[in-house]
Amino acid sequence: MERILDVVPELGADADLRHATERSVEANIRRILSLFADPTMPVDGPVPRDALDLGTTLLRRGGEPGALVHAYLAGQNAFLRTWIDELTRRAPPGADMLKLVDRSTDRLSGWIDFAVERLMHEWDAERERWVGGTLARRTELVRDLLAGEGPSLEAASRGLGYELDRCLIAAVIWNGQEPEDPAGPSAAMEAAAEALATAAGVPRALALPVGAGTLWAWIGSGSPPDLAEVQSRLEDELPDTIGVALGTCGVGLPGFRRSHQEAMWARRVAELGGTRGVVRYDEVEVISLLAQDPDRLDRFVERTLGDLVAEDAATARVRETLLAWLEEGANARRAAERLHTHKNTVLYRVQRARQILGHAPDDDRLALQLALLARSRLRLAERTNAGGRFGRPAVVNVRERT
């Protein structure tokens, strides 16, 4: 995955593209391993749905088909290097080893050639359906506006059929289930956009499907709605599979862009934390700043918390209590009220945290509080142990499958 993003960075431009790319990589690796395991399986079998979905998502982002070709070539090279390393480790050198390398290389090359050809065919077919339609024109206009280009406020409002000279709140809506229709938004996401408009007290939302399982939306009102109230009303209507990330209110074209970027950042926090429901940027702004470089954040949290990152229930309670104590200004009584426990329990757990850390929590309060917040919101240890740091799904490990 990392090698693919190095070669084609646009596939990691946002959470939706990253998700689509990760799903495609996993599906293709499973297919390749199946081809290796069963010599009778034809290499020109069906291309995984997740691989086709990546093409749809990239097309609707204004990408080019060459990006897919480069991604498959980079993935092929990275996989082949890992595979040969594994064969070398497991099989003795000699004629049999060379046969294994030749056979697997032929199977891999045959699959990649077939998959790329099929993807290019699907790309052309999807472009024919997409180009020239109303949705395509609206998508291109939104893309221009988000890039700081495009027409005036009045012309943009006419082109989108939505008044932009008002308080605009952007949303990113995603569906954790397999989309009902890979070519369009699921009914659940459309219903979520309608529920968002209702929760904010506006007639309708400006909604735009941008890939399999993802929809962008904006709601406009004459004055800023209460986001906490909007969140509460919306959560009552959302099914468990749907996530909604909300930006803050912005006016006009600058607000249109800024609120969307905030919603994307909030979506990133939800992605890293493995959560759905409603995520508001104004509630996760600090975490979104920390989460821009997950690997550095990983190291920071582990270095700052030490053994306090452990997953057992007792340590988790110590972390929760210490974070509440710090956020309440080191006031044990207020922390106890917040946690619905006794003041002495808070004091005991803070002392226990001191023992685990090896120093007083006051020594570097800011760093400690940020690390605890990141550990709580982004579920660091759970994600790392699952095989993918900070919410990145684990790519199939060749070493474990041979």
Protein backbone atom coordinates (compact mmCIF):
# COMPACT_ATOMS: atom_id res chain seq x y z
CA MET A 1 0.00 0.00 0.00
CA GLU A 2 2.76 2.46 0.95
CA ARG A 3 4.61 1.80 -2.30
CA ILE A 4 1.47 2.45 -4.34
CA LEU A 5 0.84 5.76 -2.57
CA ASP A 6 4.47 6.75 -3.11
CA VAL A 7 4.06 6.22 -6.86
CA VAL A 8 0.48 7.53 -7.14
CA PRO A 9 -0.02 9.94 -4.21
CA GLU A 10 -3.40 11.11 -5.53
CA LEU A 11 -4.87 7.77 -4.39
CA GLY A 12 -4.24 8.89 -0.80
CA ALA A 13 -5.55 12.42 -1.28
CA ASP A 14 -8.50 11.93 1.09
CA ALA A 15 -10.12 9.31 3.29
CA ASP A 16 -12.49 8.05 0.61
CA LEU A 17 -9.76 7.47 -1.95
CA ARG A 18 -7.54 5.85 0.68
CA HIS A 19 -10.35 3.53 1.70
CA ALA A 20 -11.12 2.64 -1.91
CA THR A 21 -7.43 2.00 -2.60
CA GLU A 22 -6.98 -0.13 0.52
CA ARG A 23 -10.05 -2.23 -0.30
CA SER A 24 -8.83 -2.68 -3.87
CA VAL A 25 -5.35 -3.74 -2.71
CA GLU A 26 -6.77 -6.27 -0.25
CA ALA A 27 -9.19 -7.71 -2.81
CA ASN A 28 -6.48 -8.04 -5.46
CA ILE A 29 -4.05 -9.72 -3.05
CA ARG A 30 -6.70 -12.22 -2.04
CA ARG A 31 -7.32 -12.94 -5.72
CA ILE A 32 -3.59 -13.38 -6.45
CA LEU A 33 -3.08 -15.71 -3.49
CA SER A 34 -6.02 -17.78 -4.68
CA LEU A 35 -4.44 -18.02 -8.13
CA PHE A 36 -1.19 -19.20 -6.56
CA ALA A 37 -2.98 -21.75 -4.38
CA ASP A 38 -5.07 -23.22 -7.23
CA PRO A 39 -3.18 -23.69 -10.54
CA THR A 40 -6.45 -24.57 -12.30
CA MET A 41 -8.06 -21.20 -11.55
CA PRO A 42 -8.12 -19.03 -14.70
CA VAL A 43 -6.26 -15.72 -14.50
CA ASP A 44 -9.03 -14.04 -16.49
CA GLY A 45 -11.64 -14.52 -13.81
CA PRO A 46 -13.86 -11.76 -12.43
CA VAL A 47 -12.14 -8.60 -11.23
CA PRO A 48 -13.10 -7.90 -7.58
CA ARG A 49 -15.88 -5.40 -7.05
CA ASP A 50 -13.62 -3.33 -4.76
CA ALA A 51 -11.08 -2.96 -7.58
CA LEU A 52 -13.79 -1.69 -9.94
CA ASP A 53 -15.09 0.68 -7.25
CA LEU A 54 -11.68 2.34 -7.03
CA GLY A 55 -11.93 3.26 -10.71
CA THR A 56 -15.38 4.77 -10.19
CA THR A 57 -14.22 6.80 -7.20
CA LEU A 58 -11.12 8.07 -9.02
CA LEU A 59 -13.11 9.01 -12.13
CA ARG A 60 -15.56 11.06 -10.07
CA ARG A 61 -12.64 12.87 -8.45
CA GLY A 62 -11.41 13.97 -11.88
CA GLY A 63 -8.56 11.46 -11.95
CA GLU A 64 -6.98 9.89 -15.01
CA PRO A 65 -6.91 6.17 -15.93
CA GLY A 66 -3.11 6.27 -16.08
CA ALA A 67 -3.11 6.54 -12.28
CA LEU A 68 -4.69 3.09 -12.07
CA VAL A 69 -2.14 1.62 -14.47
CA HIS A 70 0.76 3.06 -12.46
CA ALA A 71 -0.82 1.81 -9.22
CA TYR A 72 -1.13 -1.74 -10.54
CA LEU A 73 2.44 -1.78 -11.82
CA ALA A 74 3.74 -0.46 -8.49
CA GLY A 75 1.64 -3.00 -6.60
CA GLN A 76 2.82 -5.82 -8.85
CA ASN A 77 6.48 -4.95 -8.26
CA ALA A 78 6.07 -4.60 -4.50
CA PHE A 79 4.11 -7.84 -4.22
CA LEU A 80 6.59 -9.76 -6.35
CA ARG A 81 9.54 -8.60 -4.25
CA THR A 82 7.81 -9.69 -1.06
CA TRP A 83 6.74 -12.98 -2.60
CA ILE A 84 10.21 -13.89 -3.86
CA ASP A 85 11.71 -12.98 -0.48
CA GLU A 86 9.23 -15.37 1.13
CA LEU A 87 9.93 -18.15 -1.34
CA THR A 88 13.65 -17.72 -0.76
CA ARG A 89 13.13 -17.99 2.98
CA ARG A 90 10.92 -21.08 2.78
CA ALA A 91 12.29 -23.10 -0.17
CA PRO A 92 15.85 -24.32 -0.74
CA PRO A 93 17.68 -22.85 -3.75
CA GLY A 94 17.73 -24.89 -6.94
CA ALA A 95 15.64 -25.91 -9.91
CA ASP A 96 12.41 -26.28 -7.88
CA MET A 97 12.83 -22.80 -6.49
CA LEU A 98 13.24 -21.36 -10.00
CA LYS A 99 10.10 -23.17 -11.14
CA LEU A 100 8.13 -21.68 -8.27
CA VAL A 101 9.36 -18.19 -9.11
CA ASP A 102 8.59 -18.61 -12.83
CA ARG A 103 5.14 -20.06 -12.21
CA SER A 104 4.09 -17.42 -9.71
CA THR A 105 5.52 -14.61 -11.85
CA ASP A 106 3.56 -15.84 -14.88
CA ARG A 107 0.34 -16.11 -12.87
CA LEU A 108 0.81 -12.68 -11.35
CA SER A 109 1.63 -11.00 -14.68
CA GLY A 110 -1.33 -12.69 -16.36
CA TRP A 111 -3.70 -11.48 -13.68
CA ILE A 112 -2.36 -7.91 -13.69
CA ASP A 113 -2.62 -7.69 -17.49
CA PHE A 114 -6.19 -8.97 -17.45
CA ALA A 115 -7.25 -6.78 -14.52
CA VAL A 116 -5.82 -3.58 -16.04
CA GLU A 117 -7.49 -4.32 -19.38
CA ARG A 118 -10.84 -4.88 -17.64
CA LEU A 119 -10.42 -1.73 -15.55
CA MET A 120 -9.73 0.36 -18.65
CA HIS A 121 -12.86 -1.07 -20.31
CA GLU A 122 -14.95 -0.26 -17.23
CA TRP A 123 -13.39 3.21 -17.03
CA ASP A 124 -14.43 4.01 -20.61
CA ALA A 125 -17.95 2.67 -20.02
CA GLU A 126 -18.34 4.66 -16.80
CA ARG A 127 -17.02 7.81 -18.45
CA GLU A 128 -19.65 7.42 -21.19
CA ARG A 129 -22.37 7.20 -18.56
CA TRP A 130 -20.87 10.04 -16.54
CA VAL A 131 -19.71 12.70 -19.00
CA GLY A 132 -22.39 15.03 -20.24
CA GLY A 133 -24.91 14.27 -17.52
CA THR A 134 -26.26 16.75 -15.00
CA LEU A 135 -24.46 15.02 -12.15
CA ALA A 136 -21.15 15.19 -14.03
CA ARG A 137 -21.56 18.93 -14.62
CA ARG A 138 -22.38 19.55 -10.97
CA THR A 139 -19.43 17.42 -9.88
CA GLU A 140 -17.05 19.36 -12.10
CA LEU A 141 -18.42 22.66 -10.79
CA VAL A 142 -18.03 21.56 -7.17
CA ARG A 143 -14.50 20.37 -7.89
CA ASP A 144 -13.63 23.78 -9.37
CA LEU A 145 -15.16 25.62 -6.41
CA LEU A 146 -13.25 23.51 -3.90
CA ALA A 147 -10.05 24.25 -5.80
CA GLY A 148 -10.72 28.00 -5.51
CA GLU A 149 -11.65 28.30 -9.17
CA GLY A 150 -14.90 28.43 -11.08
CA PRO A 151 -17.58 31.09 -11.51
CA SER A 152 -18.90 33.82 -9.26
CA LEU A 153 -21.08 33.16 -6.24
CA GLU A 154 -24.24 33.92 -8.23
CA ALA A 155 -23.23 31.75 -11.18
CA ALA A 156 -22.20 28.90 -8.88
CA SER A 157 -25.54 29.06 -7.10
CA ARG A 158 -27.36 28.87 -10.45
CA GLY A 159 -25.17 26.02 -11.66
CA LEU A 160 -25.74 23.97 -8.53
CA GLY A 161 -29.36 24.94 -8.06
CA TYR A 162 -28.58 25.88 -4.48
CA GLU A 163 -28.13 29.26 -2.83
CA LEU A 164 -24.58 29.62 -1.52
CA ASP A 165 -24.86 33.16 -0.12
CA ARG A 166 -25.77 31.94 3.34
CA CYS A 167 -24.40 29.97 6.30
CA LEU A 168 -23.14 26.72 4.80
CA ILE A 169 -22.34 23.57 6.76
CA ALA A 170 -20.63 20.80 4.85
CA ALA A 171 -21.03 17.09 5.51
CA VAL A 172 -19.23 13.97 4.39
CA ILE A 173 -21.57 10.98 4.56
CA TRP A 174 -20.34 7.42 4.20
CA ASN A 175 -21.83 3.98 4.31
CA GLY A 176 -19.93 1.19 6.04
CA GLN A 177 -21.90 -1.48 4.20
CA GLU A 178 -21.49 -2.68 0.62
CA PRO A 179 -23.20 0.01 -1.51
CA GLU A 180 -26.54 -0.98 -3.01
CA ASP A 181 -25.56 0.53 -6.34
CA PRO A 182 -21.81 1.00 -7.00
CA ALA A 183 -22.63 3.61 -9.65
CA GLY A 184 -24.54 5.87 -7.26
CA PRO A 185 -25.27 6.75 -3.63
CA SER A 186 -27.10 4.28 -1.47
CA ALA A 187 -30.61 5.04 -0.29
CA ALA A 188 -29.27 5.18 3.27
CA MET A 189 -26.83 8.00 2.42
CA GLU A 190 -29.49 9.93 0.54
CA ALA A 191 -31.78 9.54 3.55
CA ALA A 192 -28.97 10.77 5.82
CA ALA A 193 -28.57 13.93 3.70
CA GLU A 194 -32.32 14.55 3.94
CA ALA A 195 -32.25 13.92 7.69
CA LEU A 196 -29.38 16.40 8.04
CA ALA A 197 -31.40 19.09 6.29
CA THR A 198 -34.42 18.36 8.48
CA ALA A 199 -32.30 18.44 11.64
CA ALA A 200 -30.95 21.86 10.65
CA GLY A 201 -34.41 23.17 9.76
CA VAL A 202 -33.73 23.74 6.06
CA PRO A 203 -35.79 22.44 3.11
CA ARG A 204 -33.09 20.33 1.48
CA ALA A 205 -29.39 19.63 1.18
CA LEU A 206 -27.06 19.99 -1.78
CA ALA A 207 -25.93 16.36 -2.19
CA LEU A 208 -23.26 14.94 -4.46
CA PRO A 209 -22.20 11.27 -4.73
CA VAL A 210 -18.42 11.10 -5.13
CA GLY A 211 -17.70 7.39 -5.17
CA ALA A 212 -18.88 4.02 -3.98
CA GLY A 213 -20.24 4.46 -0.49
CA THR A 214 -19.55 8.21 -0.09
CA LEU A 215 -21.63 11.35 -0.53
CA TRP A 216 -20.74 15.01 0.01
CA ALA A 217 -23.45 17.43 1.14
CA TRP A 218 -23.99 21.05 2.16
CA ILE A 219 -26.88 22.64 4.01
CA GLY A 220 -27.51 26.38 3.84
CA SER A 221 -29.46 28.51 6.32
CA GLY A 222 -29.99 32.17 7.09
CA SER A 223 -28.26 31.93 10.45
CA PRO A 224 -25.90 29.38 12.05
CA PRO A 225 -27.84 26.44 13.49
CA ASP A 226 -26.96 24.94 16.85
CA LEU A 227 -24.57 22.13 15.86
CA ALA A 228 -25.14 20.24 19.10
CA GLU A 229 -28.87 20.23 18.45
CA VAL A 230 -28.37 19.24 14.82
CA GLN A 231 -26.13 16.39 15.95
CA SER A 232 -28.64 15.15 18.51
CA ARG A 233 -31.54 15.17 16.04
CA LEU A 234 -29.50 13.57 13.29
CA GLU A 235 -28.14 10.76 15.45
CA ASP A 236 -31.69 9.72 16.26
CA GLU A 237 -32.29 9.11 12.53
CA LEU A 238 -29.05 7.44 11.44
CA PRO A 239 -28.70 3.67 11.01
CA ASP A 240 -25.63 2.10 12.57
CA THR A 241 -23.85 1.71 9.22
CA ILE A 242 -23.88 5.42 8.34
CA GLY A 243 -21.30 8.01 9.39
CA VAL A 244 -21.64 11.78 9.02
CA ALA A 245 -18.77 14.24 9.49
CA LEU A 246 -19.79 17.90 9.86
CA GLY A 247 -17.80 21.08 9.29
CA THR A 248 -18.59 24.43 10.90
CA CYS A 249 -20.63 27.23 9.41
CA GLY A 250 -19.05 29.30 6.64
CA VAL A 251 -20.54 31.93 4.34
CA GLY A 252 -20.29 32.09 0.56
CA LEU A 253 -17.65 30.37 -1.55
CA PRO A 254 -14.86 30.63 1.08
CA GLY A 255 -17.22 29.07 3.62
CA PHE A 256 -18.25 26.42 1.10
CA ARG A 257 -14.61 25.35 0.76
CA ARG A 258 -13.56 25.73 4.38
CA SER A 259 -16.51 23.83 5.85
CA HIS A 260 -15.96 20.99 3.38
CA GLN A 261 -12.29 20.74 4.33
CA GLU A 262 -13.28 20.67 7.99
CA ALA A 263 -15.78 17.88 7.30
CA MET A 264 -13.04 15.94 5.52
CA TRP A 265 -10.71 16.37 8.52
CA ALA A 266 -13.48 15.24 10.87
CA ARG A 267 -14.04 12.25 8.59
CA ARG A 268 -10.33 11.46 8.94
CA VAL A 269 -10.62 11.41 12.73
CA ALA A 270 -13.62 9.09 12.46
CA GLU A 271 -11.64 6.88 10.09
CA LEU A 272 -8.68 6.66 12.44
CA GLY A 273 -10.89 6.04 15.45
CA GLY A 274 -13.02 3.43 13.68
CA THR A 275 -16.22 5.29 14.59
CA ARG A 276 -19.42 6.19 12.79
CA GLY A 277 -22.38 8.25 13.92
CA VAL A 278 -22.01 12.04 13.79
CA VAL A 279 -18.52 13.55 14.13
CA ARG A 280 -18.31 17.35 14.42
CA TYR A 281 -15.15 19.17 13.43
CA ASP A 282 -15.53 21.69 16.26
CA GLU A 283 -15.32 18.77 18.71
CA VAL A 284 -12.33 17.02 17.14
CA GLU A 285 -10.31 19.97 15.83
CA VAL A 286 -7.34 19.35 18.13
CA ILE A 287 -7.29 15.64 17.31
CA SER A 288 -7.47 16.43 13.60
CA LEU A 289 -4.32 18.51 13.94
CA LEU A 290 -2.56 15.63 15.66
CA ALA A 291 -3.74 13.07 13.12
CA GLN A 292 -2.12 14.60 10.03
CA ASP A 293 0.90 12.28 10.40
CA PRO A 294 -0.31 9.02 12.01
CA ASP A 295 3.12 7.43 12.21
CA ARG A 296 4.60 10.38 14.10
CA LEU A 297 1.54 10.48 16.34
CA ASP A 298 1.93 6.77 17.00
CA ARG A 299 5.49 7.28 18.19
CA PHE A 300 4.55 10.35 20.24
CA VAL A 301 1.76 8.52 22.07
CA GLU A 302 3.88 5.46 22.81
CA ARG A 303 6.84 7.56 23.95
CA THR A 304 4.71 9.85 26.13
CA LEU A 305 2.49 7.21 27.74
CA GLY A 306 4.88 4.28 27.92
CA ASP A 307 3.19 1.33 29.63
CA LEU A 308 0.05 3.44 30.02
CA VAL A 309 -0.92 2.47 26.44
CA ALA A 310 -1.70 -1.10 27.55
CA GLU A 311 -5.11 -2.44 26.53
CA ASP A 312 -6.20 -4.14 29.75
CA ALA A 313 -9.32 -2.81 31.42
CA ALA A 314 -7.55 -1.55 34.54
CA THR A 315 -5.06 0.55 32.57
CA ALA A 316 -7.88 1.85 30.36
CA ARG A 317 -9.69 3.10 33.49
CA VAL A 318 -6.50 4.79 34.69
CA ARG A 319 -6.13 6.54 31.32
CA GLU A 320 -9.76 7.64 31.29
CA THR A 321 -9.51 9.00 34.83
CA LEU A 322 -6.20 10.76 34.24
CA LEU A 323 -7.55 12.46 31.10
CA ALA A 324 -10.66 13.64 32.95
CA TRP A 325 -8.50 14.87 35.85
CA LEU A 326 -6.25 16.85 33.49
CA GLU A 327 -9.20 18.28 31.53
CA GLU A 328 -10.83 19.36 34.78
CA GLY A 329 -7.73 21.32 35.82
CA ALA A 330 -6.39 18.62 38.17
CA ASN A 331 -9.58 18.88 40.22
CA ALA A 332 -10.41 15.43 41.59
CA ARG A 333 -13.92 16.36 42.68
CA ARG A 334 -14.98 17.62 39.25
CA ALA A 335 -13.32 14.64 37.57
CA ALA A 336 -15.22 12.30 39.89
CA GLU A 337 -18.53 14.00 39.05
CA ARG A 338 -17.76 13.72 35.37
CA LEU A 339 -16.91 10.02 35.66
CA HIS A 340 -19.72 9.26 38.13
CA THR A 341 -17.29 7.83 40.66
CA HIS A 342 -15.81 8.76 44.05
CA LYS A 343 -13.18 11.43 44.54
CA ASN A 344 -10.88 8.96 46.30
CA THR A 345 -11.10 6.63 43.30
CA VAL A 346 -9.89 9.46 41.08
CA LEU A 347 -7.01 10.23 43.42
CA TYR A 348 -6.03 6.55 43.61
CA ARG A 349 -6.00 6.20 39.80
CA VAL A 350 -4.01 9.40 39.34
CA GLN A 351 -1.45 8.02 41.79
CA ARG A 352 -1.45 4.74 39.86
CA ALA A 353 -0.81 6.70 36.65
CA ARG A 354 2.16 8.38 38.34
CA GLN A 355 3.59 4.93 39.15
CA ILE A 356 3.13 3.65 35.60
CA LEU A 357 4.54 6.79 33.99
CA GLY A 358 7.44 7.03 36.39
CA HIS A 359 6.91 10.76 36.90
CA ALA A 360 4.26 13.20 38.09
CA PRO A 361 1.47 13.92 35.58
CA ASP A 362 2.18 17.63 36.05
CA ASP A 363 5.71 17.32 34.65
CA ASP A 364 4.53 17.79 31.03
CA ARG A 365 0.81 18.24 31.26
CA LEU A 366 0.19 19.41 27.70
CA ALA A 367 2.00 16.50 26.04
CA LEU A 368 0.39 14.00 28.40
CA GLN A 369 -3.11 15.34 27.81
CA LEU A 370 -2.67 15.33 24.03
CA ALA A 371 -1.32 11.77 24.08
CA LEU A 372 -4.21 10.57 26.25
CA LEU A 373 -6.71 12.33 24.00
CA ALA A 374 -5.19 10.71 20.91
CA ARG A 375 -5.14 7.28 22.58
CA SER A 376 -8.78 7.67 23.57
CA ARG A 377 -10.13 9.07 20.29
CA LEU A 378 -8.01 7.12 17.83
CA ARG A 379 -7.86 3.79 19.66
CA LEU A 380 -4.13 3.47 19.04
CA ALA A 381 -3.40 0.04 20.51
CA GLU A 382 -6.50 -1.59 19.02
CA ARG A 383 -5.64 -0.30 15.56
CA THR A 384 -1.98 -1.23 15.77
CA ASN A 385 -2.69 -4.75 16.98
CA ALA A 386 -5.32 -5.21 14.26
CA GLY A 387 -2.54 -4.91 11.71
CA GLY A 388 -3.08 -1.33 10.56
CA ARG A 389 -1.93 1.72 12.44
CA PHE A 390 -4.51 4.38 13.17
CA GLY A 391 -7.38 2.85 11.28
CA ARG A 392 -5.56 1.69 8.17
CA PRO A 393 -6.95 -1.75 7.43
CA ALA A 394 -4.28 -4.43 7.42
CA VAL A 395 -3.22 -5.51 3.95
CA VAL A 396 -3.03 -9.28 3.57
CA ASN A 397 0.37 -10.43 4.78
CA VAL A 398 2.00 -12.76 2.28
CA ARG A 399 4.25 -14.23 4.98
CA GLU A 400 1.19 -15.40 6.90
CA ARG A 401 -0.57 -16.92 3.91
CA THR A 402 2.13 -19.12 2.42
